Amino acid sequence: VKPAPLRLYITGGACCGLFLGIAS
């Protein structure tokens, strides 16, 4: 399976995590 670049995971995780942290 073609992997995605690590920076995409970090960017996405940071964006989602920021909202999740504030919501929580």
mmCIF file of all heavy atoms, coordinates in Angstrom:
data_MODEL
# 
_entry.id   MODEL 
# 
loop_
_atom_site.group_PDB 
_atom_site.id 
_atom_site.type_symbol 
_atom_site.label_atom_id 
_atom_site.label_alt_id 
_atom_site.label_comp_id 
_atom_site.label_asym_id 
_atom_site.label_entity_id 
_atom_site.label_seq_id 
_atom_site.pdbx_PDB_ins_code 
_atom_site.Cartn_x 
_atom_site.Cartn_y 
_atom_site.Cartn_z 
_atom_site.occupancy 
_atom_site.B_iso_or_equiv 
_atom_site.pdbx_formal_charge 
_atom_site.auth_seq_id 
_atom_site.auth_comp_id 
_atom_site.auth_asym_id 
_atom_site.auth_atom_id 
_atom_site.pdbx_PDB_model_num 
ATOM 1   N N   . VAL A 1 1  ? 0.851   -1.190 0.000  1.00 0.00 ? 1  VAL A N   1 
ATOM 2   C CA  . VAL A 1 1  ? 0.000   0.000  0.000  1.00 0.00 ? 1  VAL A CA  1 
ATOM 3   C C   . VAL A 1 1  ? 0.891   1.246  0.000  1.00 0.00 ? 1  VAL A C   1 
ATOM 4   O O   . VAL A 1 1  ? 1.838   1.340  0.787  1.00 0.00 ? 1  VAL A O   1 
ATOM 5   C CB  . VAL A 1 1  ? -0.929  0.023  1.248  1.00 0.00 ? 1  VAL A CB  1 
ATOM 6   C CG1 . VAL A 1 1  ? -1.732  1.325  1.285  1.00 0.00 ? 1  VAL A CG1 1 
ATOM 7   C CG2 . VAL A 1 1  ? -1.853  -1.180 1.247  1.00 0.00 ? 1  VAL A CG2 1 
ATOM 8   N N   . LYS A 1 2  ? 0.593   2.175  -0.879 1.00 0.00 ? 2  LYS A N   1 
ATOM 9   C CA  . LYS A 1 2  ? 1.405   3.382  -0.987 1.00 0.00 ? 2  LYS A CA  1 
ATOM 10  C C   . LYS A 1 2  ? 1.303   4.210  0.296  1.00 0.00 ? 2  LYS A C   1 
ATOM 11  O O   . LYS A 1 2  ? 0.224   4.616  0.693  1.00 0.00 ? 2  LYS A O   1 
ATOM 12  C CB  . LYS A 1 2  ? 0.939   4.224  -2.175 1.00 0.00 ? 2  LYS A CB  1 
ATOM 13  C CG  . LYS A 1 2  ? 1.802   5.459  -2.406 1.00 0.00 ? 2  LYS A CG  1 
ATOM 14  C CD  . LYS A 1 2  ? 1.311   6.257  -3.611 1.00 0.00 ? 2  LYS A CD  1 
ATOM 15  C CE  . LYS A 1 2  ? 2.159   7.501  -3.821 1.00 0.00 ? 2  LYS A CE  1 
ATOM 16  N NZ  . LYS A 1 2  ? 1.681   8.312  -4.976 1.00 0.00 ? 2  LYS A NZ  1 
ATOM 17  N N   . PRO A 1 3  ? 2.435   4.457  0.971  1.00 0.00 ? 3  PRO A N   1 
ATOM 18  C CA  . PRO A 1 3  ? 2.395   5.211  2.223  1.00 0.00 ? 3  PRO A CA  1 
ATOM 19  C C   . PRO A 1 3  ? 2.229   6.710  1.992  1.00 0.00 ? 3  PRO A C   1 
ATOM 20  O O   . PRO A 1 3  ? 2.566   7.229  0.928  1.00 0.00 ? 3  PRO A O   1 
ATOM 21  C CB  . PRO A 1 3  ? 3.756   4.906  2.853  1.00 0.00 ? 3  PRO A CB  1 
ATOM 22  C CG  . PRO A 1 3  ? 4.658   4.702  1.668  1.00 0.00 ? 3  PRO A CG  1 
ATOM 23  C CD  . PRO A 1 3  ? 3.800   4.027  0.620  1.00 0.00 ? 3  PRO A CD  1 
ATOM 24  N N   . ALA A 1 4  ? 1.702   7.381  2.999  1.00 0.00 ? 4  ALA A N   1 
ATOM 25  C CA  . ALA A 1 4  ? 1.589   8.842  2.955  1.00 0.00 ? 4  ALA A CA  1 
ATOM 26  C C   . ALA A 1 4  ? 2.791   9.433  3.673  1.00 0.00 ? 4  ALA A C   1 
ATOM 27  O O   . ALA A 1 4  ? 3.335   8.816  4.585  1.00 0.00 ? 4  ALA A O   1 
ATOM 28  C CB  . ALA A 1 4  ? 0.294   9.294  3.619  1.00 0.00 ? 4  ALA A CB  1 
ATOM 29  N N   . PRO A 1 5  ? 3.248   10.631 3.287  1.00 0.00 ? 5  PRO A N   1 
ATOM 30  C CA  . PRO A 1 5  ? 4.407   11.238 3.964  1.00 0.00 ? 5  PRO A CA  1 
ATOM 31  C C   . PRO A 1 5  ? 4.117   11.524 5.437  1.00 0.00 ? 5  PRO A C   1 
ATOM 32  O O   . PRO A 1 5  ? 2.980   11.851 5.794  1.00 0.00 ? 5  PRO A O   1 
ATOM 33  C CB  . PRO A 1 5  ? 4.634   12.531 3.170  1.00 0.00 ? 5  PRO A CB  1 
ATOM 34  C CG  . PRO A 1 5  ? 3.334   12.807 2.481  1.00 0.00 ? 5  PRO A CG  1 
ATOM 35  C CD  . PRO A 1 5  ? 2.735   11.474 2.194  1.00 0.00 ? 5  PRO A CD  1 
ATOM 36  N N   . LEU A 1 6  ? 5.128   11.393 6.259  1.00 0.00 ? 6  LEU A N   1 
ATOM 37  C CA  . LEU A 1 6  ? 4.972   11.591 7.704  1.00 0.00 ? 6  LEU A CA  1 
ATOM 38  C C   . LEU A 1 6  ? 4.459   12.983 8.020  1.00 0.00 ? 6  LEU A C   1 
ATOM 39  O O   . LEU A 1 6  ? 3.669   13.171 8.951  1.00 0.00 ? 6  LEU A O   1 
ATOM 40  C CB  . LEU A 1 6  ? 6.307   11.349 8.413  1.00 0.00 ? 6  LEU A CB  1 
ATOM 41  C CG  . LEU A 1 6  ? 6.308   11.509 9.937  1.00 0.00 ? 6  LEU A CG  1 
ATOM 42  C CD1 . LEU A 1 6  ? 5.318   10.536 10.582 1.00 0.00 ? 6  LEU A CD1 1 
ATOM 43  C CD2 . LEU A 1 6  ? 7.707   11.311 10.486 1.00 0.00 ? 6  LEU A CD2 1 
ATOM 44  N N   . ARG A 1 7  ? 4.891   13.979 7.234  1.00 0.00 ? 7  ARG A N   1 
ATOM 45  C CA  . ARG A 1 7  ? 4.472   15.354 7.502  1.00 0.00 ? 7  ARG A CA  1 
ATOM 46  C C   . ARG A 1 7  ? 2.956   15.523 7.363  1.00 0.00 ? 7  ARG A C   1 
ATOM 47  O O   . ARG A 1 7  ? 2.354   16.359 8.042  1.00 0.00 ? 7  ARG A O   1 
ATOM 48  C CB  . ARG A 1 7  ? 5.197   16.336 6.582  1.00 0.00 ? 7  ARG A CB  1 
ATOM 49  C CG  . ARG A 1 7  ? 4.874   16.201 5.108  1.00 0.00 ? 7  ARG A CG  1 
ATOM 50  C CD  . ARG A 1 7  ? 5.609   17.265 4.282  1.00 0.00 ? 7  ARG A CD  1 
ATOM 51  N NE  . ARG A 1 7  ? 5.302   17.163 2.858  1.00 0.00 ? 7  ARG A NE  1 
ATOM 52  C CZ  . ARG A 1 7  ? 5.918   16.348 2.023  1.00 0.00 ? 7  ARG A CZ  1 
ATOM 53  N NH1 . ARG A 1 7  ? 6.881   15.557 2.471  1.00 0.00 ? 7  ARG A NH1 1 
ATOM 54  N NH2 . ARG A 1 7  ? 5.580   16.310 0.748  1.00 0.00 ? 7  ARG A NH2 1 
ATOM 55  N N   . LEU A 1 8  ? 2.322   14.710 6.491  1.00 0.00 ? 8  LEU A N   1 
ATOM 56  C CA  . LEU A 1 8  ? 0.880   14.776 6.328  1.00 0.00 ? 8  LEU A CA  1 
ATOM 57  C C   . LEU A 1 8  ? 0.188   14.234 7.574  1.00 0.00 ? 8  LEU A C   1 
ATOM 58  O O   . LEU A 1 8  ? -0.811  14.798 8.039  1.00 0.00 ? 8  LEU A O   1 
ATOM 59  C CB  . LEU A 1 8  ? 0.447   13.988 5.092  1.00 0.00 ? 8  LEU A CB  1 
ATOM 60  C CG  . LEU A 1 8  ? -1.060  14.000 4.771  1.00 0.00 ? 8  LEU A CG  1 
ATOM 61  C CD1 . LEU A 1 8  ? -1.549  15.431 4.563  1.00 0.00 ? 8  LEU A CD1 1 
ATOM 62  C CD2 . LEU A 1 8  ? -1.348  13.151 3.536  1.00 0.00 ? 8  LEU A CD2 1 
ATOM 63  N N   . TYR A 1 9  ? 0.729   13.149 8.123  1.00 0.00 ? 9  TYR A N   1 
ATOM 64  C CA  . TYR A 1 9  ? 0.186   12.601 9.362  1.00 0.00 ? 9  TYR A CA  1 
ATOM 65  C C   . TYR A 1 9  ? 0.319   13.605 10.512 1.00 0.00 ? 9  TYR A C   1 
ATOM 66  O O   . TYR A 1 9  ? -0.600  13.794 11.299 1.00 0.00 ? 9  TYR A O   1 
ATOM 67  C CB  . TYR A 1 9  ? 0.920   11.313 9.737  1.00 0.00 ? 9  TYR A CB  1 
ATOM 68  C CG  . TYR A 1 9  ? 0.457   10.080 8.998  1.00 0.00 ? 9  TYR A CG  1 
ATOM 69  C CD1 . TYR A 1 9  ? 1.227   9.529  7.984  1.00 0.00 ? 9  TYR A CD1 1 
ATOM 70  C CD2 . TYR A 1 9  ? -0.748  9.454  9.325  1.00 0.00 ? 9  TYR A CD2 1 
ATOM 71  C CE1 . TYR A 1 9  ? 0.813   8.390  7.300  1.00 0.00 ? 9  TYR A CE1 1 
ATOM 72  C CE2 . TYR A 1 9  ? -1.171  8.319  8.647  1.00 0.00 ? 9  TYR A CE2 1 
ATOM 73  C CZ  . TYR A 1 9  ? -0.386  7.794  7.632  1.00 0.00 ? 9  TYR A CZ  1 
ATOM 74  O OH  . TYR A 1 9  ? -0.803  6.666  6.969  1.00 0.00 ? 9  TYR A OH  1 
ATOM 75  N N   . ILE A 1 10 ? 1.490   14.244 10.583 1.00 0.00 ? 10 ILE A N   1 
ATOM 76  C CA  . ILE A 1 10 ? 1.742   15.189 11.677 1.00 0.00 ? 10 ILE A CA  1 
ATOM 77  C C   . ILE A 1 10 ? 0.859   16.426 11.530 1.00 0.00 ? 10 ILE A C   1 
ATOM 78  O O   . ILE A 1 10 ? 0.267   16.898 12.509 1.00 0.00 ? 10 ILE A O   1 
ATOM 79  C CB  . ILE A 1 10 ? 3.229   15.595 11.707 1.00 0.00 ? 10 ILE A CB  1 
ATOM 80  C CG1 . ILE A 1 10 ? 4.088   14.370 12.066 1.00 0.00 ? 10 ILE A CG1 1 
ATOM 81  C CG2 . ILE A 1 10 ? 3.458   16.722 12.717 1.00 0.00 ? 10 ILE A CG2 1 
ATOM 82  C CD1 . ILE A 1 10 ? 5.578   14.633 12.050 1.00 0.00 ? 10 ILE A CD1 1 
ATOM 83  N N   . THR A 1 11 ? 0.770   16.946 10.295 1.00 0.00 ? 11 THR A N   1 
ATOM 84  C CA  . THR A 1 11 ? -0.094  18.115 10.058 1.00 0.00 ? 11 THR A CA  1 
ATOM 85  C C   . THR A 1 11 ? -1.549  17.795 10.390 1.00 0.00 ? 11 THR A C   1 
ATOM 86  O O   . THR A 1 11 ? -2.229  18.562 11.081 1.00 0.00 ? 11 THR A O   1 
ATOM 87  C CB  . THR A 1 11 ? 0.010   18.581 8.593  1.00 0.00 ? 11 THR A CB  1 
ATOM 88  O OG1 . THR A 1 11 ? 1.363   18.914 8.295  1.00 0.00 ? 11 THR A OG1 1 
ATOM 89  C CG2 . THR A 1 11 ? -0.881  19.795 8.357  1.00 0.00 ? 11 THR A CG2 1 
ATOM 90  N N   . GLY A 1 12 ? -2.028  16.667 9.874  1.00 0.00 ? 12 GLY A N   1 
ATOM 91  C CA  . GLY A 1 12 ? -3.410  16.267 10.136 1.00 0.00 ? 12 GLY A CA  1 
ATOM 92  C C   . GLY A 1 12 ? -3.655  15.967 11.604 1.00 0.00 ? 12 GLY A C   1 
ATOM 93  O O   . GLY A 1 12 ? -4.663  16.384 12.176 1.00 0.00 ? 12 GLY A O   1 
ATOM 94  N N   . GLY A 1 13 ? -2.713  15.247 12.216 1.00 0.00 ? 13 GLY A N   1 
ATOM 95  C CA  . GLY A 1 13 ? -2.860  14.908 13.634 1.00 0.00 ? 13 GLY A CA  1 
ATOM 96  C C   . GLY A 1 13 ? -2.840  16.135 14.520 1.00 0.00 ? 13 GLY A C   1 
ATOM 97  O O   . GLY A 1 13 ? -3.584  16.222 15.504 1.00 0.00 ? 13 GLY A O   1 
ATOM 98  N N   . ALA A 1 14 ? -1.990  17.107 14.172 1.00 0.00 ? 14 ALA A N   1 
ATOM 99  C CA  . ALA A 1 14 ? -1.904  18.337 14.955 1.00 0.00 ? 14 ALA A CA  1 
ATOM 100 C C   . ALA A 1 14 ? -3.191  19.144 14.848 1.00 0.00 ? 14 ALA A C   1 
ATOM 101 O O   . ALA A 1 14 ? -3.708  19.667 15.853 1.00 0.00 ? 14 ALA A O   1 
ATOM 102 C CB  . ALA A 1 14 ? -0.716  19.174 14.496 1.00 0.00 ? 14 ALA A CB  1 
ATOM 103 N N   . CYS A 1 15 ? -3.716  19.252 13.631 1.00 0.00 ? 15 CYS A N   1 
ATOM 104 C CA  . CYS A 1 15 ? -4.958  20.001 13.407 1.00 0.00 ? 15 CYS A CA  1 
ATOM 105 C C   . CYS A 1 15 ? -6.126  19.343 14.140 1.00 0.00 ? 15 CYS A C   1 
ATOM 106 O O   . CYS A 1 15 ? -6.852  19.993 14.905 1.00 0.00 ? 15 CYS A O   1 
ATOM 107 C CB  . CYS A 1 15 ? -5.241  20.087 11.917 1.00 0.00 ? 15 CYS A CB  1 
ATOM 108 S SG  . CYS A 1 15 ? -6.679  21.093 11.492 1.00 0.00 ? 15 CYS A SG  1 
ATOM 109 N N   . CYS A 1 16 ? -6.297  18.040 13.930 1.00 0.00 ? 16 CYS A N   1 
ATOM 110 C CA  . CYS A 1 16 ? -7.391  17.312 14.586 1.00 0.00 ? 16 CYS A CA  1 
ATOM 111 C C   . CYS A 1 16 ? -7.200  17.294 16.098 1.00 0.00 ? 16 CYS A C   1 
ATOM 112 O O   . CYS A 1 16 ? -8.156  17.440 16.869 1.00 0.00 ? 16 CYS A O   1 
ATOM 113 C CB  . CYS A 1 16 ? -7.459  15.879 14.064 1.00 0.00 ? 16 CYS A CB  1 
ATOM 114 S SG  . CYS A 1 16 ? -7.795  15.730 12.303 1.00 0.00 ? 16 CYS A SG  1 
ATOM 115 N N   . GLY A 1 17 ? -5.955  17.109 16.543 1.00 0.00 ? 17 GLY A N   1 
ATOM 116 C CA  . GLY A 1 17 ? -5.669  17.036 17.970 1.00 0.00 ? 17 GLY A CA  1 
ATOM 117 C C   . GLY A 1 17 ? -5.909  18.342 18.699 1.00 0.00 ? 17 GLY A C   1 
ATOM 118 O O   . GLY A 1 17 ? -6.348  18.357 19.847 1.00 0.00 ? 17 GLY A O   1 
ATOM 119 N N   . LEU A 1 18 ? -5.610  19.450 18.035 1.00 0.00 ? 18 LEU A N   1 
ATOM 120 C CA  . LEU A 1 18 ? -5.852  20.761 18.645 1.00 0.00 ? 18 LEU A CA  1 
ATOM 121 C C   . LEU A 1 18 ? -7.341  20.949 18.911 1.00 0.00 ? 18 LEU A C   1 
ATOM 122 O O   . LEU A 1 18 ? -7.746  21.342 20.012 1.00 0.00 ? 18 LEU A O   1 
ATOM 123 C CB  . LEU A 1 18 ? -5.339  21.876 17.727 1.00 0.00 ? 18 LEU A CB  1 
ATOM 124 C CG  . LEU A 1 18 ? -5.594  23.312 18.185 1.00 0.00 ? 18 LEU A CG  1 
ATOM 125 C CD1 . LEU A 1 18 ? -4.891  23.590 19.505 1.00 0.00 ? 18 LEU A CD1 1 
ATOM 126 C CD2 . LEU A 1 18 ? -5.154  24.316 17.114 1.00 0.00 ? 18 LEU A CD2 1 
ATOM 127 N N   . PHE A 1 19 ? -8.159  20.656 17.896 1.00 0.00 ? 19 PHE A N   1 
ATOM 128 C CA  . PHE A 1 19 ? -9.604  20.784 18.074 1.00 0.00 ? 19 PHE A CA  1 
ATOM 129 C C   . PHE A 1 19 ? -10.124 19.786 19.118 1.00 0.00 ? 19 PHE A C   1 
ATOM 130 O O   . PHE A 1 19 ? -10.973 20.128 19.942 1.00 0.00 ? 19 PHE A O   1 
ATOM 131 C CB  . PHE A 1 19 ? -10.323 20.559 16.740 1.00 0.00 ? 19 PHE A CB  1 
ATOM 132 C CG  . PHE A 1 19 ? -10.180 21.699 15.778 1.00 0.00 ? 19 PHE A CG  1 
ATOM 133 C CD1 . PHE A 1 19 ? -9.827  21.477 14.449 1.00 0.00 ? 19 PHE A CD1 1 
ATOM 134 C CD2 . PHE A 1 19 ? -10.399 23.010 16.189 1.00 0.00 ? 19 PHE A CD2 1 
ATOM 135 C CE1 . PHE A 1 19 ? -9.703  22.529 13.548 1.00 0.00 ? 19 PHE A CE1 1 
ATOM 136 C CE2 . PHE A 1 19 ? -10.274 24.076 15.302 1.00 0.00 ? 19 PHE A CE2 1 
ATOM 137 C CZ  . PHE A 1 19 ? -9.920  23.832 13.978 1.00 0.00 ? 19 PHE A CZ  1 
ATOM 138 N N   . LEU A 1 20 ? -9.610  18.560 19.076 1.00 0.00 ? 20 LEU A N   1 
ATOM 139 C CA  . LEU A 1 20 ? -10.047 17.549 20.043 1.00 0.00 ? 20 LEU A CA  1 
ATOM 140 C C   . LEU A 1 20 ? -9.681  17.946 21.464 1.00 0.00 ? 20 LEU A C   1 
ATOM 141 O O   . LEU A 1 20 ? -10.475 17.773 22.392 1.00 0.00 ? 20 LEU A O   1 
ATOM 142 C CB  . LEU A 1 20 ? -9.418  16.192 19.699 1.00 0.00 ? 20 LEU A CB  1 
ATOM 143 C CG  . LEU A 1 20 ? -9.789  15.030 20.621 1.00 0.00 ? 20 LEU A CG  1 
ATOM 144 C CD1 . LEU A 1 20 ? -11.295 14.768 20.589 1.00 0.00 ? 20 LEU A CD1 1 
ATOM 145 C CD2 . LEU A 1 20 ? -9.026  13.764 20.226 1.00 0.00 ? 20 LEU A CD2 1 
ATOM 146 N N   . GLY A 1 21 ? -8.477  18.491 21.634 1.00 0.00 ? 21 GLY A N   1 
ATOM 147 C CA  . GLY A 1 21 ? -8.040  18.910 22.965 1.00 0.00 ? 21 GLY A CA  1 
ATOM 148 C C   . GLY A 1 21 ? -8.900  20.038 23.521 1.00 0.00 ? 21 GLY A C   1 
ATOM 149 O O   . GLY A 1 21 ? -9.313  20.011 24.684 1.00 0.00 ? 21 GLY A O   1 
ATOM 150 N N   . ILE A 1 22 ? -9.198  21.049 22.668 1.00 0.00 ? 22 ILE A N   1 
ATOM 151 C CA  . ILE A 1 22 ? -10.025 22.172 23.106 1.00 0.00 ? 22 ILE A CA  1 
ATOM 152 C C   . ILE A 1 22 ? -11.449 21.707 23.390 1.00 0.00 ? 22 ILE A C   1 
ATOM 153 O O   . ILE A 1 22 ? -12.061 22.102 24.396 1.00 0.00 ? 22 ILE A O   1 
ATOM 154 C CB  . ILE A 1 22 ? -10.030 23.286 22.045 1.00 0.00 ? 22 ILE A CB  1 
ATOM 155 C CG1 . ILE A 1 22 ? -8.619  23.873 21.886 1.00 0.00 ? 22 ILE A CG1 1 
ATOM 156 C CG2 . ILE A 1 22 ? -11.017 24.400 22.416 1.00 0.00 ? 22 ILE A CG2 1 
ATOM 157 C CD1 . ILE A 1 22 ? -8.490  24.850 20.734 1.00 0.00 ? 22 ILE A CD1 1 
ATOM 158 N N   . ALA A 1 23 ? -11.985 20.856 22.511 1.00 0.00 ? 23 ALA A N   1 
ATOM 159 C CA  . ALA A 1 23 ? -13.337 20.339 22.720 1.00 0.00 ? 23 ALA A CA  1 
ATOM 160 C C   . ALA A 1 23 ? -13.418 19.537 24.013 1.00 0.00 ? 23 ALA A C   1 
ATOM 161 O O   . ALA A 1 23 ? -14.382 19.656 24.780 1.00 0.00 ? 23 ALA A O   1 
ATOM 162 C CB  . ALA A 1 23 ? -13.756 19.460 21.539 1.00 0.00 ? 23 ALA A CB  1 
ATOM 163 N N   . SER A 1 24 ? -12.396 18.744 24.270 1.00 0.00 ? 24 SER A N   1 
ATOM 164 C CA  . SER A 1 24 ? -12.401 17.886 25.458 1.00 0.00 ? 24 SER A CA  1 
ATOM 165 C C   . SER A 1 24 ? -12.276 18.692 26.752 1.00 0.00 ? 24 SER A C   1 
ATOM 166 O O   . SER A 1 24 ? -12.932 18.368 27.742 1.00 0.00 ? 24 SER A O   1 
ATOM 167 C CB  . SER A 1 24 ? -11.257 16.867 25.372 1.00 0.00 ? 24 SER A CB  1 
ATOM 168 O OG  . SER A 1 24 ? -11.428 16.015 24.263 1.00 0.00 ? 24 SER A OG  1 
# 
